[in-house]
Amino acid sequence: MVATALSTESVAKKLFKEIDLTLKNNKAADIKEDYWGRRDLAYAIKSKNNAFYSVFTFTMDSSKVKDLTNSLNLNEKILRYLLVKLDN
């Protein structure tokens, strides 16, 4: 899940496309995006009360997760993200 507090939906969708490209660059497969739109945050983050959310589901080699985490940490447009390993 990725949350971003950008000003418009079109700008947020561009960011989510960048994240999709980052996933592809890190050899992720079976990428699916579930766009949730603008939602209220449970608490203010960086003085923002709402954000655009999108959930990405993908498969990736575990050795590439650190590279993905570094890429997401460097992107200042992302407020929060959560990576979860699912059992098959």
PDB file of N, CA and C in Angstrom:
ATOM      1  N   MET A   1       0.840  -1.164   0.000  1.00  0.00           N
ATOM      2  CA  MET A   1       0.000   0.000   0.000  1.00  0.00           C
ATOM      3  C   MET A   1       0.888   1.231   0.000  1.00  0.00           C
ATOM      4  N   VAL A   2       0.509   2.213  -0.792  1.00  0.00           N
ATOM      5  CA  VAL A   2       1.250   3.462  -0.893  1.00  0.00           C
ATOM      6  C   VAL A   2       0.273   4.608  -0.657  1.00  0.00           C
ATOM      7  N   ALA A   3       0.683   5.584   0.150  1.00  0.00           N
ATOM      8  CA  ALA A   3      -0.129   6.776   0.396  1.00  0.00           C
ATOM      9  C   ALA A   3       0.685   8.010   0.021  1.00  0.00           C
ATOM     10  N   THR A   4       0.070   8.919  -0.714  1.00  0.00           N
ATOM     11  CA  THR A   4       0.729  10.150  -1.120  1.00  0.00           C
ATOM     12  C   THR A   4      -0.239  11.318  -0.961  1.00  0.00           C
ATOM     13  N   ALA A   5       0.267  12.468  -0.577  1.00  0.00           N
ATOM     14  CA  ALA A   5      -0.579  13.642  -0.338  1.00  0.00           C
ATOM     15  C   ALA A   5      -0.365  14.688  -1.423  1.00  0.00           C
ATOM     16  N   LEU A   6      -0.450  14.291  -2.666  1.00  0.00           N
ATOM     17  CA  LEU A   6      -0.291  15.230  -3.766  1.00  0.00           C
ATOM     18  C   LEU A   6      -1.576  16.008  -3.982  1.00  0.00           C
ATOM     19  N   SER A   7      -1.487  17.100  -4.727  1.00  0.00           N
ATOM     20  CA  SER A   7      -2.600  18.026  -4.839  1.00  0.00           C
ATOM     21  C   SER A   7      -3.764  17.513  -5.683  1.00  0.00           C
ATOM     22  N   THR A   8      -3.494  16.806  -6.769  1.00  0.00           N
ATOM     23  CA  THR A   8      -4.576  16.366  -7.641  1.00  0.00           C
ATOM     24  C   THR A   8      -4.474  14.877  -7.935  1.00  0.00           C
ATOM     25  N   GLU A   9      -5.587  14.333  -8.373  1.00  0.00           N
ATOM     26  CA  GLU A   9      -5.639  12.908  -8.685  1.00  0.00           C
ATOM     27  C   GLU A   9      -4.725  12.562  -9.856  1.00  0.00           C
ATOM     28  N   SER A  10      -4.650  13.442 -10.863  1.00  0.00           N
ATOM     29  CA  SER A  10      -3.808  13.145 -12.027  1.00  0.00           C
ATOM     30  C   SER A  10      -2.327  13.092 -11.641  1.00  0.00           C
ATOM     31  N   VAL A  11      -1.906  13.957 -10.743  1.00  0.00           N
ATOM     32  CA  VAL A  11      -0.513  13.935 -10.278  1.00  0.00           C
ATOM     33  C   VAL A  11      -0.254  12.672  -9.468  1.00  0.00           C
ATOM     34  N   ALA A  12      -1.214  12.269  -8.655  1.00  0.00           N
ATOM     35  CA  ALA A  12      -1.068  11.040  -7.868  1.00  0.00           C
ATOM     36  C   ALA A  12      -0.984   9.830  -8.787  1.00  0.00           C
ATOM     37  N   LYS A  13      -1.797   9.779  -9.835  1.00  0.00           N
ATOM     38  CA  LYS A  13      -1.760   8.653 -10.764  1.00  0.00           C
ATOM     39  C   LYS A  13      -0.423   8.578 -11.493  1.00  0.00           C
ATOM     40  N   LYS A  14       0.175   9.738 -11.788  1.00  0.00           N
ATOM     41  CA  LYS A  14       1.509   9.749 -12.404  1.00  0.00           C
ATOM     42  C   LYS A  14       2.535   9.138 -11.444  1.00  0.00           C
ATOM     43  N   LEU A  15       2.424   9.461 -10.163  1.00  0.00           N
ATOM     44  CA  LEU A  15       3.328   8.886  -9.173  1.00  0.00           C
ATOM     45  C   LEU A  15       3.139   7.375  -9.100  1.00  0.00           C
ATOM     46  N   PHE A  16       1.905   6.904  -9.141  1.00  0.00           N
ATOM     47  CA  PHE A  16       1.657   5.472  -9.080  1.00  0.00           C
ATOM     48  C   PHE A  16       2.202   4.761 -10.325  1.00  0.00           C
ATOM     49  N   LYS A  17       2.197   5.461 -11.469  1.00  0.00           N
ATOM     50  CA  LYS A  17       2.825   4.888 -12.667  1.00  0.00           C
ATOM     51  C   LYS A  17       4.341   4.796 -12.478  1.00  0.00           C
ATOM     52  N   GLU A  18       4.933   5.797 -11.829  1.00  0.00           N
ATOM     53  CA  GLU A  18       6.367   5.752 -11.520  1.00  0.00           C
ATOM     54  C   GLU A  18       6.678   4.568 -10.603  1.00  0.00           C
ATOM     55  N   ILE A  19       5.818   4.317  -9.628  1.00  0.00           N
ATOM     56  CA  ILE A  19       6.016   3.191  -8.721  1.00  0.00           C
ATOM     57  C   ILE A  19       5.911   1.878  -9.486  1.00  0.00           C
ATOM     58  N   ASP A  20       4.967   1.795 -10.415  1.00  0.00           N
ATOM     59  CA  ASP A  20       4.832   0.610 -11.254  1.00  0.00           C
ATOM     60  C   ASP A  20       6.118   0.377 -12.054  1.00  0.00           C
ATOM     61  N   LEU A  21       6.691   1.431 -12.597  1.00  0.00           N
ATOM     62  CA  LEU A  21       7.947   1.332 -13.335  1.00  0.00           C
ATOM     63  C   LEU A  21       9.093   0.908 -12.418  1.00  0.00           C
ATOM     64  N   THR A  22       9.118   1.425 -11.197  1.00  0.00           N
ATOM     65  CA  THR A  22      10.131   1.031 -10.220  1.00  0.00           C
ATOM     66  C   THR A  22      10.018  -0.457  -9.907  1.00  0.00           C
ATOM     67  N   LEU A  23       8.794  -0.949  -9.774  1.00  0.00           N
ATOM     68  CA  LEU A  23       8.593  -2.376  -9.535  1.00  0.00           C
ATOM     69  C   LEU A  23       9.124  -3.199 -10.705  1.00  0.00           C
ATOM     70  N   LYS A  24       8.836  -2.754 -11.918  1.00  0.00           N
ATOM     71  CA  LYS A  24       9.321  -3.470 -13.105  1.00  0.00           C
ATOM     72  C   LYS A  24      10.843  -3.439 -13.187  1.00  0.00           C
ATOM     73  N   ASN A  25      11.436  -2.299 -12.824  1.00  0.00           N
ATOM     74  CA  ASN A  25      12.898  -2.189 -12.839  1.00  0.00           C
ATOM     75  C   ASN A  25      13.547  -3.095 -11.804  1.00  0.00           C
ATOM     76  N   ASN A  26      12.820  -3.416 -10.751  1.00  0.00           N
ATOM     77  CA  ASN A  26      13.330  -4.314  -9.713  1.00  0.00           C
ATOM     78  C   ASN A  26      12.888  -5.758  -9.948  1.00  0.00           C
ATOM     79  N   LYS A  27      12.518  -6.067 -11.186  1.00  0.00           N
ATOM     80  CA  LYS A  27      12.182  -7.444 -11.602  1.00  0.00           C
ATOM     81  C   LYS A  27      10.937  -8.006 -10.930  1.00  0.00           C
ATOM     82  N   ALA A  28       9.977  -7.151 -10.592  1.00  0.00           N
ATOM     83  CA  ALA A  28       8.708  -7.640 -10.045  1.00  0.00           C
ATOM     84  C   ALA A  28       7.868  -8.224 -11.179  1.00  0.00           C
ATOM     85  N   ALA A  29       7.069  -9.225 -10.855  1.00  0.00           N
ATOM     86  CA  ALA A  29       6.204  -9.866 -11.852  1.00  0.00           C
ATOM     87  C   ALA A  29       4.764  -9.866 -11.335  1.00  0.00           C
ATOM     88  N   ASP A  30       3.839 -10.116 -12.243  1.00  0.00           N
ATOM     89  CA  ASP A  30       2.406 -10.192 -11.899  1.00  0.00           C
ATOM     90  C   ASP A  30       1.939  -8.955 -11.138  1.00  0.00           C
ATOM     91  N   ILE A  31       2.300  -7.771 -11.619  1.00  0.00           N
ATOM     92  CA  ILE A  31       1.972  -6.514 -10.937  1.00  0.00           C
ATOM     93  C   ILE A  31       0.507  -6.167 -11.189  1.00  0.00           C
ATOM     94  N   LYS A  32      -0.228  -5.929 -10.104  1.00  0.00           N
ATOM     95  CA  LYS A  32      -1.623  -5.497 -10.172  1.00  0.00           C
ATOM     96  C   LYS A  32      -1.775  -4.288  -9.254  1.00  0.00           C
ATOM     97  N   GLU A  33      -2.497  -3.287  -9.747  1.00  0.00           N
ATOM     98  CA  GLU A  33      -2.723  -2.083  -8.940  1.00  0.00           C
ATOM     99  C   GLU A  33      -4.210  -1.951  -8.641  1.00  0.00           C
ATOM    100  N   ASP A  34      -4.511  -1.618  -7.393  1.00  0.00           N
ATOM    101  CA  ASP A  34      -5.879  -1.340  -6.963  1.00  0.00           C
ATOM    102  C   ASP A  34      -5.888   0.102  -6.442  1.00  0.00           C
ATOM    103  N   TYR A  35      -6.383   1.024  -7.259  1.00  0.00           N
ATOM    104  CA  TYR A  35      -6.396   2.441  -6.904  1.00  0.00           C
ATOM    105  C   TYR A  35      -7.584   2.724  -5.988  1.00  0.00           C
ATOM    106  N   TRP A  36      -7.307   3.275  -4.810  1.00  0.00           N
ATOM    107  CA  TRP A  36      -8.354   3.559  -3.828  1.00  0.00           C
ATOM    108  C   TRP A  36      -8.823   5.009  -3.852  1.00  0.00           C
ATOM    109  N   GLY A  37      -8.076   5.903  -4.436  1.00  0.00           N
ATOM    110  CA  GLY A  37      -8.454   7.309  -4.472  1.00  0.00           C
ATOM    111  C   GLY A  37      -8.072   8.049  -3.199  1.00  0.00           C
ATOM    112  N   ARG A  38      -8.688   9.231  -3.019  1.00  0.00           N
ATOM    113  CA  ARG A  38      -8.377  10.063  -1.847  1.00  0.00           C
ATOM    114  C   ARG A  38      -9.139   9.560  -0.628  1.00  0.00           C
ATOM    115  N   ARG A  39      -8.411   9.413   0.468  1.00  0.00           N
ATOM    116  CA  ARG A  39      -8.982   8.960   1.740  1.00  0.00           C
ATOM    117  C   ARG A  39      -8.443   9.824   2.870  1.00  0.00           C
ATOM    118  N   ASP A  40      -9.203   9.893   3.946  1.00  0.00           N
ATOM    119  CA  ASP A  40      -8.739  10.590   5.143  1.00  0.00           C
ATOM    120  C   ASP A  40      -7.684   9.755   5.847  1.00  0.00           C
ATOM    121  N   LEU A  41      -6.683  10.431   6.386  1.00  0.00           N
ATOM    122  CA  LEU A  41      -5.667   9.749   7.183  1.00  0.00           C
ATOM    123  C   LEU A  41      -6.168   9.595   8.613  1.00  0.00           C
ATOM    124  N   ALA A  42      -5.720   8.590   9.303  1.00  0.00           N
ATOM    125  CA  ALA A  42      -6.116   8.382  10.696  1.00  0.00           C
ATOM    126  C   ALA A  42      -5.569   9.500  11.582  1.00  0.00           C
ATOM    127  N   TYR A  43      -4.414  10.032  11.205  1.00  0.00           N
ATOM    128  CA  TYR A  43      -3.805  11.150  11.921  1.00  0.00           C
ATOM    129  C   TYR A  43      -2.998  11.949  10.915  1.00  0.00           C
ATOM    130  N   ALA A  44      -2.732  13.204  11.212  1.00  0.00           N
ATOM    131  CA  ALA A  44      -2.010  14.080  10.295  1.00  0.00           C
ATOM    132  C   ALA A  44      -0.565  13.610  10.130  1.00  0.00           C
ATOM    133  N   ILE A  45      -0.112  13.584   8.883  1.00  0.00           N
ATOM    134  CA  ILE A  45       1.267  13.253   8.559  1.00  0.00           C
ATOM    135  C   ILE A  45       1.807  14.402   7.722  1.00  0.00           C
ATOM    136  N   LYS A  46       2.879  15.022   8.190  1.00  0.00           N
ATOM    137  CA  LYS A  46       3.468  16.180   7.492  1.00  0.00           C
ATOM    138  C   LYS A  46       2.398  17.241   7.213  1.00  0.00           C
ATOM    139  N   SER A  47       1.554  17.492   8.186  1.00  0.00           N
ATOM    140  CA  SER A  47       0.473  18.485   8.131  1.00  0.00           C
ATOM    141  C   SER A  47      -0.582  18.175   7.074  1.00  0.00           C
ATOM    142  N   LYS A  48      -0.684  16.932   6.647  1.00  0.00           N
ATOM    143  CA  LYS A  48      -1.696  16.519   5.668  1.00  0.00           C
ATOM    144  C   LYS A  48      -2.744  15.659   6.372  1.00  0.00           C
ATOM    145  N   ASN A  49      -4.016  15.889   6.035  1.00  0.00           N
ATOM    146  CA  ASN A  49      -5.108  15.148   6.656  1.00  0.00           C
ATOM    147  C   ASN A  49      -5.717  14.085   5.747  1.00  0.00           C
ATOM    148  N   ASN A  50      -5.370  14.129   4.434  1.00  0.00           N
ATOM    149  CA  ASN A  50      -5.851  13.100   3.522  1.00  0.00           C
ATOM    150  C   ASN A  50      -4.779  12.798   2.488  1.00  0.00           C
ATOM    151  N   ALA A  51      -4.937  11.654   1.822  1.00  0.00           N
ATOM    152  CA  ALA A  51      -3.930  11.231   0.863  1.00  0.00           C
ATOM    153  C   ALA A  51      -4.585  10.335  -0.188  1.00  0.00           C
ATOM    154  N   PHE A  52      -3.904  10.161  -1.307  1.00  0.00           N
ATOM    155  CA  PHE A  52      -4.321   9.216  -2.329  1.00  0.00           C
ATOM    156  C   PHE A  52      -3.669   7.877  -2.025  1.00  0.00           C
ATOM    157  N   TYR A  53      -4.461   6.819  -2.123  1.00  0.00           N
ATOM    158  CA  TYR A  53      -3.979   5.473  -1.808  1.00  0.00           C
ATOM    159  C   TYR A  53      -4.024   4.586  -3.038  1.00  0.00           C
ATOM    160  N   SER A  54      -3.077   3.665  -3.111  1.00  0.00           N
ATOM    161  CA  SER A  54      -3.079   2.626  -4.120  1.00  0.00           C
ATOM    162  C   SER A  54      -2.415   1.388  -3.539  1.00  0.00           C
ATOM    163  N   VAL A  55      -2.971   0.218  -3.856  1.00  0.00           N
ATOM    164  CA  VAL A  55      -2.420  -1.049  -3.380  1.00  0.00           C
ATOM    165  C   VAL A  55      -1.838  -1.790  -4.574  1.00  0.00           C
ATOM    166  N   PHE A  56      -0.564  -2.156  -4.471  1.00  0.00           N
ATOM    167  CA  PHE A  56       0.113  -2.922  -5.508  1.00  0.00           C
ATOM    168  C   PHE A  56       0.311  -4.344  -5.007  1.00  0.00           C
ATOM    169  N   THR A  57      -0.044  -5.309  -5.836  1.00  0.00           N
ATOM    170  CA  THR A  57       0.192  -6.717  -5.546  1.00  0.00           C
ATOM    171  C   THR A  57       1.168  -7.221  -6.601  1.00  0.00           C
ATOM    172  N   PHE A  58       2.229  -7.882  -6.162  1.00  0.00           N
ATOM    173  CA  PHE A  58       3.245  -8.333  -7.111  1.00  0.00           C
ATOM    174  C   PHE A  58       4.061  -9.461  -6.494  1.00  0.00           C
ATOM    175  N   THR A  59       4.814 -10.138  -7.328  1.00  0.00           N
ATOM    176  CA  THR A  59       5.769 -11.129  -6.859  1.00  0.00           C
ATOM    177  C   THR A  59       7.161 -10.628  -7.185  1.00  0.00           C
ATOM    178  N   MET A  60       8.097 -10.919  -6.279  1.00  0.00           N
ATOM    179  CA  MET A  60       9.455 -10.402  -6.452  1.00  0.00           C
ATOM    180  C   MET A  60      10.421 -11.314  -5.714  1.00  0.00           C
ATOM    181  N   ASP A  61      11.597 -11.444  -6.259  1.00  0.00           N
ATOM    182  CA  ASP A  61      12.652 -12.184  -5.580  1.00  0.00           C
ATOM    183  C   ASP A  61      13.022 -11.445  -4.298  1.00  0.00           C
ATOM    184  N   SER A  62      13.191 -12.168  -3.222  1.00  0.00           N
ATOM    185  CA  SER A  62      13.452 -11.539  -1.922  1.00  0.00           C
ATOM    186  C   SER A  62      14.754 -10.738  -1.900  1.00  0.00           C
ATOM    187  N   SER A  63      15.683 -11.044  -2.778  1.00  0.00           N
ATOM    188  CA  SER A  63      16.946 -10.297  -2.808  1.00  0.00           C
ATOM    189  C   SER A  63      16.758  -8.882  -3.358  1.00  0.00           C
ATOM    190  N   LYS A  64      15.645  -8.612  -4.046  1.00  0.00           N
ATOM    191  CA  LYS A  64      15.376  -7.290  -4.625  1.00  0.00           C
ATOM    192  C   LYS A  64      14.560  -6.378  -3.714  1.00  0.00           C
ATOM    193  N   VAL A  65      14.068  -6.904  -2.610  1.00  0.00           N
ATOM    194  CA  VAL A  65      13.198  -6.117  -1.726  1.00  0.00           C
ATOM    195  C   VAL A  65      13.939  -4.923  -1.144  1.00  0.00           C
ATOM    196  N   LYS A  66      15.192  -5.096  -0.776  1.00  0.00           N
ATOM    197  CA  LYS A  66      15.957  -3.983  -0.211  1.00  0.00           C
ATOM    198  C   LYS A  66      16.121  -2.854  -1.222  1.00  0.00           C
ATOM    199  N   ASP A  67      16.359  -3.183  -2.493  1.00  0.00           N
ATOM    200  CA  ASP A  67      16.463  -2.158  -3.536  1.00  0.00           C
ATOM    201  C   ASP A  67      15.143  -1.408  -3.698  1.00  0.00           C
ATOM    202  N   LEU A  68      14.040  -2.146  -3.654  1.00  0.00           N
ATOM    203  CA  LEU A  68      12.717  -1.518  -3.756  1.00  0.00           C
ATOM    204  C   LEU A  68      12.473  -0.591  -2.573  1.00  0.00           C
ATOM    205  N   THR A  69      12.789  -1.049  -1.383  1.00  0.00           N
ATOM    206  CA  THR A  69      12.614  -0.238  -0.174  1.00  0.00           C
ATOM    207  C   THR A  69      13.425   1.048  -0.261  1.00  0.00           C
ATOM    208  N   ASN A  70      14.656   0.945  -0.735  1.00  0.00           N
ATOM    209  CA  ASN A  70      15.498   2.140  -0.888  1.00  0.00           C
ATOM    210  C   ASN A  70      14.882   3.118  -1.882  1.00  0.00           C
ATOM    211  N   SER A  71      14.357   2.611  -2.996  1.00  0.00           N
ATOM    212  CA  SER A  71      13.728   3.472  -3.999  1.00  0.00           C
ATOM    213  C   SER A  71      12.505   4.188  -3.428  1.00  0.00           C
ATOM    214  N   LEU A  72      11.683   3.468  -2.679  1.00  0.00           N
ATOM    215  CA  LEU A  72      10.486   4.079  -2.094  1.00  0.00           C
ATOM    216  C   LEU A  72      10.849   5.096  -1.013  1.00  0.00           C
ATOM    217  N   ASN A  73      11.901   4.817  -0.247  1.00  0.00           N
ATOM    218  CA  ASN A  73      12.331   5.760   0.794  1.00  0.00           C
ATOM    219  C   ASN A  73      12.853   7.060   0.203  1.00  0.00           C
ATOM    220  N   LEU A  74      13.461   6.994  -0.963  1.00  0.00           N
ATOM    221  CA  LEU A  74      14.032   8.189  -1.588  1.00  0.00           C
ATOM    222  C   LEU A  74      12.984   9.083  -2.250  1.00  0.00           C
ATOM    223  N   ASN A  75      11.814   8.558  -2.505  1.00  0.00           N
ATOM    224  CA  ASN A  75      10.767   9.332  -3.161  1.00  0.00           C
ATOM    225  C   ASN A  75      10.048  10.195  -2.126  1.00  0.00           C
ATOM    226  N   GLU A  76      10.256  11.499  -2.202  1.00  0.00           N
ATOM    227  CA  GLU A  76       9.696  12.441  -1.226  1.00  0.00           C
ATOM    228  C   GLU A  76       8.189  12.632  -1.373  1.00  0.00           C
ATOM    229  N   LYS A  77       7.613  12.193  -2.485  1.00  0.00           N
ATOM    230  CA  LYS A  77       6.174  12.347  -2.703  1.00  0.00           C
ATOM    231  C   LYS A  77       5.359  11.299  -1.945  1.00  0.00           C
ATOM    232  N   ILE A  78       6.013  10.237  -1.497  1.00  0.00           N
ATOM    233  CA  ILE A  78       5.322   9.165  -0.795  1.00  0.00           C
ATOM    234  C   ILE A  78       5.286   9.473   0.698  1.00  0.00           C
ATOM    235  N   LEU A  79       4.077   9.538   1.272  1.00  0.00           N
ATOM    236  CA  LEU A  79       3.942   9.768   2.710  1.00  0.00           C
ATOM    237  C   LEU A  79       4.254   8.496   3.485  1.00  0.00           C
ATOM    238  N   ARG A  80       3.626   7.407   3.097  1.00  0.00           N
ATOM    239  CA  ARG A  80       3.786   6.124   3.786  1.00  0.00           C
ATOM    240  C   ARG A  80       3.661   5.002   2.766  1.00  0.00           C
ATOM    241  N   TYR A  81       4.307   3.900   3.060  1.00  0.00           N
ATOM    242  CA  TYR A  81       4.099   2.679   2.284  1.00  0.00           C
ATOM    243  C   TYR A  81       4.258   1.495   3.219  1.00  0.00           C
ATOM    244  N   LEU A  82       3.728   0.380   2.805  1.00  0.00           N
ATOM    245  CA  LEU A  82       3.799  -0.836   3.614  1.00  0.00           C
ATOM    246  C   LEU A  82       4.024  -2.017   2.677  1.00  0.00           C
ATOM    247  N   LEU A  83       5.084  -2.765   2.916  1.00  0.00           N
ATOM    248  CA  LEU A  83       5.351  -3.985   2.164  1.00  0.00           C
ATOM    249  C   LEU A  83       4.993  -5.166   3.051  1.00  0.00           C
ATOM    250  N   VAL A  84       4.213  -6.093   2.511  1.00  0.00           N
ATOM    251  CA  VAL A  84       3.763  -7.250   3.273  1.00  0.00           C
ATOM    252  C   VAL A  84       4.043  -8.506   2.454  1.00  0.00           C
ATOM    253  N   LYS A  85       4.642  -9.505   3.092  1.00  0.00           N
ATOM    254  CA  LYS A  85       4.867 -10.779   2.429  1.00  0.00           C
ATOM    255  C   LYS A  85       3.653 -11.665   2.678  1.00  0.00           C
ATOM    256  N   LEU A  86       3.064 -12.155   1.595  1.00  0.00           N
ATOM    257  CA  LEU A  86       1.904 -13.028   1.701  1.00  0.00           C
ATOM    258  C   LEU A  86       2.318 -14.465   1.500  1.00  0.00           C
ATOM    259  N   ASP A  87       1.751 -15.379   2.286  1.00  0.00           N
ATOM    260  CA  ASP A  87       1.981 -16.803   2.094  1.00  0.00           C
ATOM    261  C   ASP A  87       1.096 -17.294   0.966  1.00  0.00           C
ATOM    262  N   ASN A  88       1.586 -18.251   0.237  1.00  0.00           N
ATOM    263  CA  ASN A  88       0.787 -18.793  -0.876  1.00  0.00           C
ATOM    264  C   ASN A  88      -0.264 -19.723  -0.407  1.00  0.00           C
TER     265      ASN A  88
END
